[in-house]
Amino acid sequence: MKRLVSFLSVALVGLSMAFARGTYAGDVQFHVGLDLTEVKIESQNYELKKDSFAFDVATWHLFALNDVIRLGFTASLDGIAGNNQLAYDFNVGPAIGFDLGNVVRFGATIGLNVGGQVSSEGIDYVNVFSELLGATFGVQAKFIPQSKVSPLIGYRFVSSFANNYDVEGTHVTKYNVKENLNFYENVFYTGLSINF
């Protein structure tokens, strides 16, 4: 317990110093974009490709090492909907940023992805439900990063898998399939960042 209190105290002091020195840059971002999804079930030679609407809420927390390089972490909650598909995922991982003055901040992140997806297919609307685990990679450019609100553009790739999935439909009784399902997302987005 003493170690936990000591760690939290040091973290609080460190964050306070980062705020006071102006080395911390945090934000909350709202993204909208196009999601290009691909679902593969290799044992059945099944492949499904869909285009959907994507909406994400993300937060980046970066600490300056010098005038150009920042290190920290990011987390996001993402959702896609449309074209008989619904998916959600949570991403978290380390991040790096490169500042070019107050013109643009280029950022990159790689991390863990946890989520789920539902796809409908065919005349009987057969639904496929799966819980997914995988990795994510993202890059973005945030313009005028030191202002209160900044426009941004970005790209995110997700590669996830499930070792089983549920199938049910109008004329199909729900059953579980024990085989690998691979899920890939390519998301191109634009958005706004509220900076603090």
N, C-alpha and C. Protein backbone atom coordinates (compact mmCIF):
# COMPACT_ATOMS: atom_id res chain seq x y z
N MET A 1 0.83 -1.19 0.00
CA MET A 1 0.00 0.00 0.00
C MET A 1 0.87 1.26 0.00
N LYS A 2 1.97 1.21 0.78
CA LYS A 2 2.87 2.36 0.83
C LYS A 2 3.50 2.61 -0.54
N ARG A 3 3.82 1.54 -1.24
CA ARG A 3 4.43 1.69 -2.56
C ARG A 3 3.44 2.33 -3.53
N LEU A 4 2.19 1.92 -3.46
CA LEU A 4 1.17 2.49 -4.34
C LEU A 4 0.99 3.98 -4.06
N VAL A 5 0.91 4.36 -2.79
CA VAL A 5 0.77 5.77 -2.43
C VAL A 5 2.00 6.55 -2.88
N SER A 6 3.19 5.97 -2.70
CA SER A 6 4.42 6.64 -3.14
C SER A 6 4.43 6.82 -4.65
N PHE A 7 4.04 5.78 -5.39
CA PHE A 7 4.01 5.86 -6.85
C PHE A 7 3.02 6.92 -7.32
N LEU A 8 1.83 6.93 -6.74
CA LEU A 8 0.83 7.93 -7.12
C LEU A 8 1.29 9.34 -6.78
N SER A 9 1.97 9.51 -5.67
CA SER A 9 2.48 10.83 -5.28
C SER A 9 3.54 11.31 -6.27
N VAL A 10 4.45 10.43 -6.65
CA VAL A 10 5.49 10.79 -7.62
C VAL A 10 4.85 11.11 -8.97
N ALA A 11 3.86 10.32 -9.38
CA ALA A 11 3.18 10.57 -10.65
C ALA A 11 2.47 11.92 -10.63
N LEU A 12 1.82 12.25 -9.53
CA LEU A 12 1.12 13.52 -9.41
C LEU A 12 2.11 14.70 -9.47
N VAL A 13 3.22 14.58 -8.77
CA VAL A 13 4.23 15.63 -8.80
C VAL A 13 4.82 15.76 -10.20
N GLY A 14 5.10 14.63 -10.85
CA GLY A 14 5.65 14.66 -12.21
C GLY A 14 4.70 15.30 -13.19
N LEU A 15 3.41 14.96 -13.11
CA LEU A 15 2.43 15.58 -13.99
C LEU A 15 2.30 17.07 -13.71
N SER A 16 2.32 17.45 -12.46
CA SER A 16 2.24 18.87 -12.10
C SER A 16 3.43 19.63 -12.68
N MET A 17 4.63 19.04 -12.60
CA MET A 17 5.81 19.69 -13.16
C MET A 17 5.70 19.79 -14.69
N ALA A 18 5.16 18.74 -15.33
CA ALA A 18 5.01 18.77 -16.79
C ALA A 18 4.03 19.87 -17.21
N PHE A 19 2.93 20.01 -16.47
CA PHE A 19 1.97 21.08 -16.75
C PHE A 19 2.63 22.44 -16.56
N ALA A 20 3.36 22.60 -15.46
CA ALA A 20 3.97 23.89 -15.14
C ALA A 20 5.04 24.28 -16.16
N ARG A 21 5.79 23.32 -16.65
CA ARG A 21 6.86 23.60 -17.63
C ARG A 21 6.33 23.69 -19.05
N GLY A 22 5.07 23.32 -19.27
CA GLY A 22 4.51 23.36 -20.62
C GLY A 22 4.98 22.21 -21.49
N THR A 23 5.42 21.11 -20.88
CA THR A 23 5.89 19.97 -21.67
C THR A 23 4.79 18.96 -21.96
N TYR A 24 3.61 19.13 -21.37
CA TYR A 24 2.51 18.19 -21.55
C TYR A 24 1.54 18.71 -22.62
N ALA A 25 1.09 17.82 -23.48
CA ALA A 25 0.07 18.15 -24.47
C ALA A 25 -0.96 17.02 -24.47
N GLY A 26 -2.17 17.33 -24.07
CA GLY A 26 -3.24 16.34 -24.06
C GLY A 26 -4.42 16.84 -24.87
N ASP A 27 -5.29 15.91 -25.26
CA ASP A 27 -6.45 16.31 -26.04
C ASP A 27 -7.54 15.25 -25.96
N VAL A 28 -8.70 15.64 -26.44
CA VAL A 28 -9.81 14.73 -26.72
C VAL A 28 -10.16 14.95 -28.18
N GLN A 29 -10.21 13.87 -28.95
CA GLN A 29 -10.43 13.98 -30.39
C GLN A 29 -11.73 13.29 -30.79
N PHE A 30 -12.40 13.88 -31.77
CA PHE A 30 -13.62 13.31 -32.33
C PHE A 30 -13.38 13.10 -33.83
N HIS A 31 -13.48 11.84 -34.28
CA HIS A 31 -13.19 11.49 -35.67
C HIS A 31 -14.44 10.98 -36.37
N VAL A 32 -14.57 11.29 -37.64
CA VAL A 32 -15.55 10.66 -38.52
C VAL A 32 -14.81 10.27 -39.79
N GLY A 33 -15.24 9.15 -40.39
CA GLY A 33 -14.52 8.74 -41.59
C GLY A 33 -15.11 7.52 -42.25
N LEU A 34 -14.33 6.96 -43.14
CA LEU A 34 -14.70 5.80 -43.93
C LEU A 34 -13.94 4.59 -43.41
N ASP A 35 -14.67 3.50 -43.15
CA ASP A 35 -14.08 2.27 -42.67
C ASP A 35 -14.19 1.21 -43.75
N LEU A 36 -13.07 0.66 -44.18
CA LEU A 36 -13.04 -0.43 -45.14
C LEU A 36 -12.72 -1.70 -44.36
N THR A 37 -13.73 -2.56 -44.19
CA THR A 37 -13.61 -3.75 -43.34
C THR A 37 -13.51 -5.00 -44.19
N GLU A 38 -12.70 -5.94 -43.72
CA GLU A 38 -12.59 -7.24 -44.37
C GLU A 38 -12.65 -8.31 -43.29
N VAL A 39 -13.54 -9.28 -43.47
CA VAL A 39 -13.68 -10.41 -42.55
C VAL A 39 -13.33 -11.67 -43.33
N LYS A 40 -12.43 -12.49 -42.77
CA LYS A 40 -12.02 -13.72 -43.44
C LYS A 40 -12.18 -14.91 -42.51
N ILE A 41 -12.78 -15.98 -43.04
CA ILE A 41 -12.82 -17.27 -42.36
C ILE A 41 -12.08 -18.22 -43.29
N GLU A 42 -10.81 -18.46 -42.99
CA GLU A 42 -9.93 -19.14 -43.93
C GLU A 42 -10.32 -20.59 -44.16
N SER A 43 -10.81 -21.29 -43.15
CA SER A 43 -11.14 -22.70 -43.33
C SER A 43 -12.30 -22.90 -44.30
N GLN A 44 -13.16 -21.88 -44.44
CA GLN A 44 -14.29 -21.97 -45.36
C GLN A 44 -14.05 -21.18 -46.64
N ASN A 45 -12.86 -20.62 -46.79
CA ASN A 45 -12.53 -19.79 -47.94
C ASN A 45 -13.56 -18.66 -48.10
N TYR A 46 -13.98 -18.09 -46.95
CA TYR A 46 -15.01 -17.05 -46.93
C TYR A 46 -14.36 -15.70 -46.72
N GLU A 47 -14.77 -14.73 -47.52
CA GLU A 47 -14.24 -13.39 -47.39
C GLU A 47 -15.38 -12.40 -47.60
N LEU A 48 -15.50 -11.43 -46.69
CA LEU A 48 -16.54 -10.41 -46.76
C LEU A 48 -15.88 -9.05 -46.67
N LYS A 49 -16.18 -8.18 -47.62
CA LYS A 49 -15.64 -6.82 -47.60
C LYS A 49 -16.80 -5.85 -47.56
N LYS A 50 -16.71 -4.86 -46.64
CA LYS A 50 -17.78 -3.88 -46.49
C LYS A 50 -17.18 -2.50 -46.24
N ASP A 51 -17.87 -1.48 -46.74
CA ASP A 51 -17.54 -0.09 -46.46
C ASP A 51 -18.56 0.44 -45.48
N SER A 52 -18.11 1.11 -44.44
CA SER A 52 -19.01 1.59 -43.41
C SER A 52 -18.61 2.98 -42.94
N PHE A 53 -19.49 3.60 -42.16
CA PHE A 53 -19.23 4.88 -41.51
C PHE A 53 -18.50 4.61 -40.21
N ALA A 54 -17.47 5.39 -39.92
CA ALA A 54 -16.70 5.21 -38.69
C ALA A 54 -16.82 6.46 -37.83
N PHE A 55 -16.97 6.27 -36.52
CA PHE A 55 -16.95 7.36 -35.54
C PHE A 55 -16.07 6.93 -34.38
N ASP A 56 -15.12 7.78 -34.02
CA ASP A 56 -14.16 7.45 -32.95
C ASP A 56 -14.05 8.61 -31.97
N VAL A 57 -13.77 8.26 -30.74
CA VAL A 57 -13.39 9.24 -29.71
C VAL A 57 -12.03 8.78 -29.19
N ALA A 58 -11.06 9.67 -29.25
CA ALA A 58 -9.69 9.31 -28.86
C ALA A 58 -9.12 10.37 -27.93
N THR A 59 -8.08 9.98 -27.22
CA THR A 59 -7.34 10.93 -26.40
C THR A 59 -5.85 10.62 -26.51
N TRP A 60 -5.06 11.66 -26.72
CA TRP A 60 -3.61 11.54 -26.80
C TRP A 60 -3.01 12.32 -25.64
N HIS A 61 -1.97 11.76 -25.01
CA HIS A 61 -1.27 12.42 -23.91
C HIS A 61 0.23 12.30 -24.20
N LEU A 62 0.83 13.43 -24.55
CA LEU A 62 2.24 13.45 -24.96
C LEU A 62 3.05 14.39 -24.09
N PHE A 63 4.29 14.01 -23.81
CA PHE A 63 5.21 14.80 -23.01
C PHE A 63 6.44 15.12 -23.86
N ALA A 64 6.82 16.40 -23.88
CA ALA A 64 7.91 16.86 -24.75
C ALA A 64 9.27 16.40 -24.22
N LEU A 65 10.06 15.81 -25.11
CA LEU A 65 11.45 15.51 -24.80
C LEU A 65 12.33 16.68 -25.19
N ASN A 66 11.93 17.35 -26.29
CA ASN A 66 12.60 18.57 -26.75
C ASN A 66 11.57 19.36 -27.56
N ASP A 67 12.01 20.31 -28.36
CA ASP A 67 11.06 21.14 -29.11
C ASP A 67 10.35 20.40 -30.23
N VAL A 68 10.84 19.23 -30.60
CA VAL A 68 10.27 18.51 -31.74
C VAL A 68 9.59 17.20 -31.34
N ILE A 69 10.22 16.41 -30.47
CA ILE A 69 9.75 15.05 -30.18
C ILE A 69 8.96 15.01 -28.88
N ARG A 70 7.81 14.32 -28.94
CA ARG A 70 6.97 14.08 -27.77
C ARG A 70 6.67 12.59 -27.66
N LEU A 71 6.66 12.06 -26.43
CA LEU A 71 6.33 10.66 -26.17
C LEU A 71 5.18 10.60 -25.18
N GLY A 72 4.36 9.55 -25.29
CA GLY A 72 3.25 9.37 -24.37
C GLY A 72 2.42 8.17 -24.72
N PHE A 73 1.10 8.33 -24.60
CA PHE A 73 0.19 7.22 -24.89
C PHE A 73 -1.10 7.76 -25.48
N THR A 74 -1.86 6.85 -26.06
CA THR A 74 -3.17 7.18 -26.61
C THR A 74 -4.16 6.07 -26.30
N ALA A 75 -5.42 6.43 -26.26
CA ALA A 75 -6.51 5.46 -26.09
C ALA A 75 -7.68 5.94 -26.93
N SER A 76 -8.44 4.99 -27.48
CA SER A 76 -9.60 5.38 -28.28
C SER A 76 -10.70 4.34 -28.18
N LEU A 77 -11.92 4.81 -28.37
CA LEU A 77 -13.10 3.97 -28.46
C LEU A 77 -13.68 4.22 -29.83
N ASP A 78 -13.76 3.18 -30.64
CA ASP A 78 -14.12 3.32 -32.04
C ASP A 78 -15.37 2.51 -32.34
N GLY A 79 -16.16 3.02 -33.28
CA GLY A 79 -17.33 2.29 -33.72
C GLY A 79 -17.53 2.45 -35.21
N ILE A 80 -18.07 1.41 -35.83
CA ILE A 80 -18.44 1.51 -37.24
C ILE A 80 -19.86 1.00 -37.39
N ALA A 81 -20.58 1.58 -38.31
CA ALA A 81 -21.97 1.18 -38.54
C ALA A 81 -22.31 1.40 -40.00
N GLY A 82 -23.21 0.56 -40.49
CA GLY A 82 -23.68 0.70 -41.86
C GLY A 82 -23.43 -0.53 -42.68
N ASN A 83 -24.17 -0.66 -43.76
CA ASN A 83 -23.99 -1.76 -44.71
C ASN A 83 -24.10 -3.12 -44.00
N ASN A 84 -25.14 -3.25 -43.14
CA ASN A 84 -25.40 -4.49 -42.39
C ASN A 84 -24.23 -4.92 -41.50
N GLN A 85 -23.57 -3.94 -40.90
CA GLN A 85 -22.43 -4.25 -40.04
C GLN A 85 -22.38 -3.28 -38.88
N LEU A 86 -21.99 -3.79 -37.72
CA LEU A 86 -21.77 -2.99 -36.53
C LEU A 86 -20.54 -3.54 -35.84
N ALA A 87 -19.60 -2.67 -35.50
CA ALA A 87 -18.38 -3.12 -34.82
C ALA A 87 -17.96 -2.04 -33.83
N TYR A 88 -17.28 -2.45 -32.80
CA TYR A 88 -16.75 -1.53 -31.80
C TYR A 88 -15.39 -2.06 -31.37
N ASP A 89 -14.51 -1.16 -30.98
CA ASP A 89 -13.25 -1.61 -30.44
C ASP A 89 -12.63 -0.54 -29.56
N PHE A 90 -11.78 -1.00 -28.67
CA PHE A 90 -11.04 -0.14 -27.75
C PHE A 90 -9.56 -0.36 -28.05
N ASN A 91 -8.84 0.74 -28.22
CA ASN A 91 -7.41 0.68 -28.54
C ASN A 91 -6.62 1.45 -27.49
N VAL A 92 -5.48 0.93 -27.11
CA VAL A 92 -4.60 1.63 -26.18
C VAL A 92 -3.16 1.26 -26.52
N GLY A 93 -2.27 2.26 -26.42
CA GLY A 93 -0.88 1.97 -26.70
C GLY A 93 0.01 3.19 -26.60
N PRO A 94 1.32 3.00 -26.73
CA PRO A 94 2.25 4.12 -26.70
C PRO A 94 2.11 4.98 -27.95
N ALA A 95 2.52 6.24 -27.85
CA ALA A 95 2.41 7.17 -28.97
C ALA A 95 3.66 8.05 -29.03
N ILE A 96 3.92 8.55 -30.22
CA ILE A 96 5.01 9.49 -30.43
C ILE A 96 4.50 10.62 -31.31
N GLY A 97 4.97 11.82 -31.03
CA GLY A 97 4.58 12.98 -31.82
C GLY A 97 5.79 13.78 -32.26
N PHE A 98 5.69 14.37 -33.43
CA PHE A 98 6.75 15.22 -33.96
C PHE A 98 6.15 16.57 -34.29
N ASP A 99 6.57 17.62 -33.58
CA ASP A 99 6.04 18.97 -33.77
C ASP A 99 6.88 19.75 -34.79
N LEU A 100 6.20 20.39 -35.71
CA LEU A 100 6.84 21.35 -36.61
C LEU A 100 6.30 22.72 -36.23
N GLY A 101 6.82 23.25 -35.13
CA GLY A 101 6.34 24.52 -34.58
C GLY A 101 4.87 24.39 -34.20
N ASN A 102 4.12 25.45 -34.45
CA ASN A 102 2.67 25.39 -34.21
C ASN A 102 1.93 25.18 -35.53
N VAL A 103 2.59 24.59 -36.50
CA VAL A 103 1.97 24.36 -37.80
C VAL A 103 1.29 23.00 -37.82
N VAL A 104 2.01 21.93 -37.50
CA VAL A 104 1.45 20.59 -37.56
C VAL A 104 2.19 19.69 -36.56
N ARG A 105 1.46 18.73 -35.99
CA ARG A 105 2.05 17.69 -35.16
C ARG A 105 1.72 16.35 -35.83
N PHE A 106 2.75 15.64 -36.25
CA PHE A 106 2.57 14.30 -36.80
C PHE A 106 2.64 13.32 -35.64
N GLY A 107 1.67 12.41 -35.57
CA GLY A 107 1.65 11.44 -34.49
C GLY A 107 1.53 10.02 -35.03
N ALA A 108 2.07 9.06 -34.27
CA ALA A 108 1.98 7.65 -34.63
C ALA A 108 1.78 6.85 -33.35
N THR A 109 1.01 5.77 -33.46
CA THR A 109 0.77 4.91 -32.32
C THR A 109 0.64 3.46 -32.79
N ILE A 110 0.98 2.56 -31.88
CA ILE A 110 0.78 1.13 -32.10
C ILE A 110 0.30 0.58 -30.78
N GLY A 111 -0.63 -0.36 -30.80
CA GLY A 111 -1.13 -0.83 -29.53
C GLY A 111 -2.04 -2.03 -29.61
N LEU A 112 -2.72 -2.29 -28.51
CA LEU A 112 -3.62 -3.42 -28.33
C LEU A 112 -5.03 -3.02 -28.75
N ASN A 113 -5.73 -3.94 -29.39
CA ASN A 113 -7.10 -3.72 -29.82
C ASN A 113 -7.99 -4.83 -29.25
N VAL A 114 -9.09 -4.43 -28.60
CA VAL A 114 -10.08 -5.37 -28.09
C VAL A 114 -11.43 -4.89 -28.59
N GLY A 115 -12.25 -5.80 -29.13
CA GLY A 115 -13.53 -5.35 -29.66
C GLY A 115 -14.45 -6.48 -30.03
N GLY A 116 -15.46 -6.14 -30.81
CA GLY A 116 -16.43 -7.12 -31.27
C GLY A 116 -17.06 -6.64 -32.55
N GLN A 117 -17.70 -7.55 -33.28
CA GLN A 117 -18.34 -7.16 -34.53
C GLN A 117 -19.54 -8.05 -34.80
N VAL A 118 -20.51 -7.47 -35.50
CA VAL A 118 -21.71 -8.17 -35.94
C VAL A 118 -21.85 -7.88 -37.43
N SER A 119 -21.97 -8.93 -38.23
CA SER A 119 -22.19 -8.76 -39.67
C SER A 119 -23.43 -9.53 -40.08
N SER A 120 -24.22 -8.96 -40.97
CA SER A 120 -25.39 -9.63 -41.52
C SER A 120 -25.14 -9.87 -42.99
N GLU A 121 -25.57 -11.02 -43.45
CA GLU A 121 -25.32 -11.39 -44.84
C GLU A 121 -26.44 -12.27 -45.35
N GLY A 122 -26.77 -12.14 -46.61
CA GLY A 122 -27.70 -13.04 -47.28
C GLY A 122 -29.15 -12.66 -47.13
N ILE A 123 -29.99 -13.39 -47.81
CA ILE A 123 -31.42 -13.09 -47.85
C ILE A 123 -32.11 -13.35 -46.51
N ASP A 124 -31.57 -14.30 -45.72
CA ASP A 124 -32.14 -14.60 -44.41
C ASP A 124 -31.49 -13.80 -43.29
N TYR A 125 -30.64 -12.85 -43.65
CA TYR A 125 -29.94 -12.02 -42.67
C TYR A 125 -29.27 -12.87 -41.60
N VAL A 126 -28.37 -13.72 -42.03
CA VAL A 126 -27.60 -14.53 -41.09
C VAL A 126 -26.60 -13.60 -40.40
N ASN A 127 -26.64 -13.57 -39.09
CA ASN A 127 -25.76 -12.69 -38.30
C ASN A 127 -24.57 -13.47 -37.77
N VAL A 128 -23.41 -12.86 -37.84
CA VAL A 128 -22.18 -13.43 -37.29
C VAL A 128 -21.71 -12.51 -36.17
N PHE A 129 -21.58 -13.04 -34.95
CA PHE A 129 -21.14 -12.29 -33.78
C PHE A 129 -19.76 -12.80 -33.38
N SER A 130 -18.83 -11.91 -33.10
CA SER A 130 -17.52 -12.35 -32.64
C SER A 130 -16.91 -11.32 -31.71
N GLU A 131 -16.13 -11.80 -30.76
CA GLU A 131 -15.33 -10.95 -29.89
C GLU A 131 -13.89 -11.06 -30.38
N LEU A 132 -13.23 -9.91 -30.50
CA LEU A 132 -11.96 -9.85 -31.21
C LEU A 132 -10.83 -9.36 -30.32
N LEU A 133 -9.62 -9.79 -30.64
CA LEU A 133 -8.40 -9.34 -29.97
C LEU A 133 -7.34 -9.17 -31.04
N GLY A 134 -6.57 -8.09 -30.97
CA GLY A 134 -5.56 -7.89 -31.99
C GLY A 134 -4.68 -6.69 -31.73
N ALA A 135 -4.17 -6.12 -32.82
CA ALA A 135 -3.25 -4.99 -32.75
C ALA A 135 -3.75 -3.87 -33.65
N THR A 136 -3.33 -2.66 -33.34
CA THR A 136 -3.71 -1.50 -34.13
C THR A 136 -2.48 -0.63 -34.38
N PHE A 137 -2.51 0.07 -35.50
CA PHE A 137 -1.47 1.03 -35.86
C PHE A 137 -2.17 2.26 -36.42
N GLY A 138 -1.73 3.44 -36.03
CA GLY A 138 -2.36 4.65 -36.54
C GLY A 138 -1.37 5.79 -36.72
N VAL A 139 -1.68 6.65 -37.68
CA VAL A 139 -0.91 7.87 -37.91
C VAL A 139 -1.90 9.01 -38.10
N GLN A 140 -1.47 10.20 -37.74
CA GLN A 140 -2.33 11.37 -37.92
C GLN A 140 -1.50 12.63 -38.03
N ALA A 141 -2.13 13.66 -38.59
CA ALA A 141 -1.55 14.99 -38.64
C ALA A 141 -2.55 15.94 -37.99
N LYS A 142 -2.12 16.63 -36.94
CA LYS A 142 -2.97 17.61 -36.24
C LYS A 142 -2.42 18.99 -36.56
N PHE A 143 -3.28 19.82 -37.11
CA PHE A 143 -2.87 21.15 -37.55
C PHE A 143 -3.11 22.18 -36.45
N ILE A 144 -2.21 23.16 -36.33
CA ILE A 144 -2.23 24.19 -35.29
C ILE A 144 -2.41 23.52 -33.91
N PRO A 145 -1.47 22.65 -33.51
CA PRO A 145 -1.65 21.82 -32.32
C PRO A 145 -1.67 22.58 -31.00
N GLN A 146 -1.19 23.83 -30.97
CA GLN A 146 -1.18 24.56 -29.70
C GLN A 146 -2.41 25.42 -29.49
N SER A 147 -3.34 25.42 -30.44
CA SER A 147 -4.58 26.17 -30.26
C SER A 147 -5.56 25.35 -29.42
N LYS A 148 -6.66 25.95 -29.03
CA LYS A 148 -7.65 25.24 -28.21
C LYS A 148 -8.37 24.15 -29.00
N VAL A 149 -8.64 24.40 -30.29
CA VAL A 149 -9.30 23.43 -31.16
C VAL A 149 -8.46 23.29 -32.43
N SER A 150 -8.19 22.04 -32.83
CA SER A 150 -7.35 21.78 -34.00
C SER A 150 -8.03 20.80 -34.94
N PRO A 151 -7.98 21.07 -36.25
CA PRO A 151 -8.43 20.07 -37.22
C PRO A 151 -7.36 18.99 -37.38
N LEU A 152 -7.78 17.79 -37.76
CA LEU A 152 -6.83 16.71 -37.96
C LEU A 152 -7.31 15.75 -39.03
N ILE A 153 -6.37 15.01 -39.59
CA ILE A 153 -6.67 13.92 -40.50
C ILE A 153 -5.83 12.73 -40.06
N GLY A 154 -6.30 11.51 -40.38
CA GLY A 154 -5.53 10.36 -39.96
C GLY A 154 -5.95 9.07 -40.63
N TYR A 155 -5.21 8.02 -40.30
CA TYR A 155 -5.43 6.68 -40.80
C TYR A 155 -5.19 5.70 -39.66
N ARG A 156 -6.02 4.67 -39.59
CA ARG A 156 -5.87 3.63 -38.55
C ARG A 156 -6.06 2.26 -39.19
N PHE A 157 -5.17 1.32 -38.87
CA PHE A 157 -5.29 -0.06 -39.32
C PHE A 157 -5.46 -0.96 -38.11
N VAL A 158 -6.42 -1.87 -38.17
CA VAL A 158 -6.66 -2.83 -37.09
C VAL A 158 -6.62 -4.23 -37.68
N SER A 159 -5.90 -5.12 -37.03
CA SER A 159 -5.88 -6.53 -37.39
C SER A 159 -6.23 -7.33 -36.14
N SER A 160 -7.40 -7.96 -36.16
CA SER A 160 -7.89 -8.70 -35.00
C SER A 160 -8.29 -10.11 -35.41
N PHE A 161 -8.44 -10.98 -34.41
CA PHE A 161 -8.87 -12.33 -34.69
C PHE A 161 -9.79 -12.83 -33.58
N ALA A 162 -10.55 -13.84 -33.89
CA ALA A 162 -11.36 -14.56 -32.91
C ALA A 162 -11.19 -16.04 -33.20
N ASN A 163 -11.13 -16.88 -32.16
CA ASN A 163 -10.99 -18.31 -32.42
C ASN A 163 -12.33 -19.03 -32.43
N ASN A 164 -13.42 -18.26 -32.25
CA ASN A 164 -14.76 -18.81 -32.42
C ASN A 164 -15.73 -17.66 -32.64
N TYR A 165 -16.89 -17.97 -33.16
CA TYR A 165 -17.91 -16.94 -33.39
C TYR A 165 -19.29 -17.60 -33.37
N ASP A 166 -20.31 -16.78 -33.11
CA ASP A 166 -21.69 -17.25 -33.07
C ASP A 166 -22.40 -16.88 -34.36
N VAL A 167 -23.26 -17.77 -34.82
CA VAL A 167 -24.05 -17.54 -36.03
C VAL A 167 -25.52 -17.74 -35.68
N GLU A 168 -26.38 -16.82 -36.11
CA GLU A 168 -27.81 -17.01 -35.97
C GLU A 168 -28.52 -16.18 -37.03
N GLY A 169 -29.76 -16.50 -37.32
CA GLY A 169 -30.49 -15.77 -38.34
C GLY A 169 -31.97 -16.07 -38.30
N THR A 170 -32.68 -15.54 -39.29
CA THR A 170 -34.12 -15.70 -39.36
C THR A 170 -34.52 -17.17 -39.36
N HIS A 171 -33.84 -17.97 -40.16
CA HIS A 171 -34.15 -19.40 -40.25
C HIS A 171 -33.00 -20.27 -39.76
N VAL A 172 -32.14 -19.66 -38.94
CA VAL A 172 -30.96 -20.38 -38.45
C VAL A 172 -30.95 -20.31 -36.93
N THR A 173 -30.94 -21.47 -36.26
CA THR A 173 -30.83 -21.52 -34.81
C THR A 173 -29.40 -21.13 -34.42
N LYS A 174 -29.27 -20.37 -33.35
CA LYS A 174 -27.95 -19.89 -32.93
C LYS A 174 -27.02 -21.06 -32.61
N TYR A 175 -25.81 -20.99 -33.15
CA TYR A 175 -24.80 -22.00 -32.85
C TYR A 175 -23.43 -21.34 -32.84
N ASN A 176 -22.46 -22.01 -32.19
CA ASN A 176 -21.11 -21.49 -32.06
C ASN A 176 -20.19 -22.27 -32.98
N VAL A 177 -19.34 -21.56 -33.70
CA VAL A 177 -18.39 -22.18 -34.62
C VAL A 177 -17.00 -22.01 -34.03
N LYS A 178 -16.28 -23.11 -33.87
CA LYS A 178 -14.93 -23.09 -33.31
C LYS A 178 -13.90 -23.08 -34.43
N GLU A 179 -13.70 -21.93 -35.03
CA GLU A 179 -12.66 -21.78 -36.04
C GLU A 179 -12.24 -20.32 -36.07
N ASN A 180 -11.11 -20.06 -36.68
CA ASN A 180 -10.54 -18.71 -36.67
C ASN A 180 -11.29 -17.78 -37.62
N LEU A 181 -11.51 -16.58 -37.13
CA LEU A 181 -12.09 -15.50 -37.92
C LEU A 181 -11.11 -14.34 -37.84
N ASN A 182 -10.72 -13.80 -38.98
CA ASN A 182 -9.79 -12.67 -39.04
C ASN A 182 -10.56 -11.42 -39.45
N PHE A 183 -10.27 -10.32 -38.79
CA PHE A 183 -11.00 -9.07 -38.98
C PHE A 183 -9.97 -7.97 -39.23
N TYR A 184 -10.11 -7.25 -40.35
CA TYR A 184 -9.18 -6.18 -40.70
C TYR A 184 -9.97 -4.90 -40.95
N GLU A 185 -9.45 -3.79 -40.44
CA GLU A 185 -10.07 -2.49 -40.65
C GLU A 185 -9.04 -1.51 -41.19
N ASN A 186 -9.43 -0.76 -42.20
CA ASN A 186 -8.66 0.39 -42.67
C ASN A 186 -9.58 1.59 -42.53
N VAL A 187 -9.23 2.52 -41.65
CA VAL A 187 -10.08 3.67 -41.38
C VAL A 187 -9.35 4.95 -41.79
N PHE A 188 -9.99 5.71 -42.66
CA PHE A 188 -9.49 7.03 -43.06
C PHE A 188 -10.43 8.05 -42.43
N TYR A 189 -9.88 8.98 -41.63
CA TYR A 189 -10.76 9.87 -40.89
C TYR A 189 -10.28 11.32 -40.91
N THR A 190 -11.22 12.19 -40.57
CA THR A 190 -10.93 13.59 -40.30
C THR A 190 -11.63 13.91 -38.99
N GLY A 191 -11.25 15.02 -38.37
CA GLY A 191 -11.89 15.31 -37.10
C GLY A 191 -11.40 16.59 -36.48
N LEU A 192 -11.83 16.77 -35.24
CA LEU A 192 -11.44 17.93 -34.42
C LEU A 192 -10.84 17.44 -33.12
N SER A 193 -9.87 18.20 -32.65
CA SER A 193 -9.21 17.92 -31.39
C SER A 193 -9.42 19.10 -30.45
N ILE A 194 -9.87 18.82 -29.24
CA ILE A 194 -9.97 19.82 -28.18
C ILE A 194 -8.72 19.66 -27.31
N ASN A 195 -7.86 20.64 -27.31
CA ASN A 195 -6.55 20.54 -26.68
C ASN A 195 -6.52 21.17 -25.29
N PHE A 196 -5.74 20.55 -24.41
CA PHE A 196 -5.53 21.12 -23.08
C PHE A 196 -4.12 20.90 -22.63
